C-alpha atoms as a PDB file:
ATOM      1  CA  MET A   1     113.174 108.974 108.911  1.00  0.00           C
ATOM      2  CA  SER A   2     114.106 105.826 110.822  1.00  0.00           C
ATOM      3  CA  GLY A   3     112.161 107.030 113.853  1.00  0.00           C
ATOM      4  CA  THR A   4     108.876 106.790 112.012  1.00  0.00           C
ATOM      5  CA  GLY A   5     109.147 103.036 111.666  1.00  0.00           C
ATOM      6  CA  SER A   6     109.847 102.370 115.325  1.00  0.00           C
ATOM      7  CA  PRO A   7     106.992 101.588 117.712  1.00  0.00           C
ATOM      8  CA  GLY A   8     105.905 104.387 119.983  1.00  0.00           C
ATOM      9  CA  PRO A   9     104.993 104.274 123.666  1.00  0.00           C
ATOM     10  CA  GLY A  10     101.384 103.387 122.853  1.00  0.00           C
ATOM     11  CA  ASN A  11     102.399 100.285 120.927  1.00  0.00           C
ATOM     12  CA  MET A  12     104.827  99.267 123.638  1.00  0.00           C
ATOM     13  CA  ALA A  13     102.119  99.647 126.302  1.00  0.00           C
ATOM     14  CA  ILE A  14      99.753  97.460 124.271  1.00  0.00           C
ATOM     15  CA  VAL A  15     102.376  94.738 123.841  1.00  0.00           C
ATOM     16  CA  THR A  16     103.248  94.887 127.538  1.00  0.00           C
ATOM     17  CA  ALA A  17      99.580  94.588 128.528  1.00  0.00           C
ATOM     18  CA  ALA A  18      99.138  91.632 126.181  1.00  0.00           C
ATOM     19  CA  ILE A  19     102.163  89.842 127.614  1.00  0.00           C
ATOM     20  CA  ARG A  20     101.546  90.560 131.299  1.00  0.00           C
ATOM     21  CA  GLN A  21      97.760  90.348 131.429  1.00  0.00           C
ATOM     22  CA  ALA A  22      95.695  88.974 128.564  1.00  0.00           C
ATOM     23  CA  ARG A  23      94.149  89.807 125.240  1.00  0.00           C
ATOM     24  CA  LEU A  24      91.136  91.770 126.555  1.00  0.00           C
ATOM     25  CA  PRO A  25      93.120  94.391 128.533  1.00  0.00           C
ATOM     26  CA  ALA A  26      95.390  94.856 125.516  1.00  0.00           C
ATOM     27  CA  LEU A  27      92.379  95.371 123.229  1.00  0.00           C
ATOM     28  CA  VAL A  28      90.872  97.907 125.633  1.00  0.00           C
ATOM     29  CA  LEU A  29      94.176  99.765 125.769  1.00  0.00           C
ATOM     30  CA  ALA A  30      94.462  99.656 121.973  1.00  0.00           C
ATOM     31  CA  ALA A  31      90.966 101.136 121.649  1.00  0.00           C
ATOM     32  CA  GLY A  32      92.001 103.960 123.966  1.00  0.00           C
ATOM     33  CA  VAL A  33      95.188 104.643 122.038  1.00  0.00           C
ATOM     34  CA  ILE A  34      93.295 104.706 118.733  1.00  0.00           C
ATOM     35  CA  GLY A  35      90.582 106.925 120.195  1.00  0.00           C
ATOM     36  CA  ARG A  36      93.086 109.425 121.518  1.00  0.00           C
ATOM     37  CA  SER A  37      94.936 109.455 118.213  1.00  0.00           C
ATOM     38  CA  LEU A  38      91.696 110.205 116.372  1.00  0.00           C
ATOM     39  CA  LEU A  39      90.865 112.959 118.860  1.00  0.00           C
ATOM     40  CA  VAL A  40      94.256 114.619 118.430  1.00  0.00           C
ATOM     41  CA  ALA A  41      94.058 114.299 114.637  1.00  0.00           C
ATOM     42  CA  SER A  42      90.580 115.813 114.509  1.00  0.00           C
ATOM     43  CA  ALA A  43      91.655 118.674 116.767  1.00  0.00           C
ATOM     44  CA  GLY A  44      94.569 119.338 114.444  1.00  0.00           C
ATOM     45  CA  GLN A  45      92.304 119.351 111.413  1.00  0.00           C
ATOM     46  CA  SER A  46      89.748 121.678 112.994  1.00  0.00           C
ATOM     47  CA  CYS A  47      92.315 124.301 113.978  1.00  0.00           C
ATOM     48  CA  CYS A  48      93.753 124.526 110.458  1.00  0.00           C
ATOM     49  CA  LYS A  49      90.536 125.458 108.659  1.00  0.00           C
END
């Protein structure tokens, strides 16, 4: 249960990009992480029907 509240590798990569580079690379990375999450979720939903 406590593991669900901790940030995953995607969140850590976004924070690292924001600190080391700038806001734009972090936003691009965040869009990729969100897009992949949506893709995986939709694949999971389509296989269960």
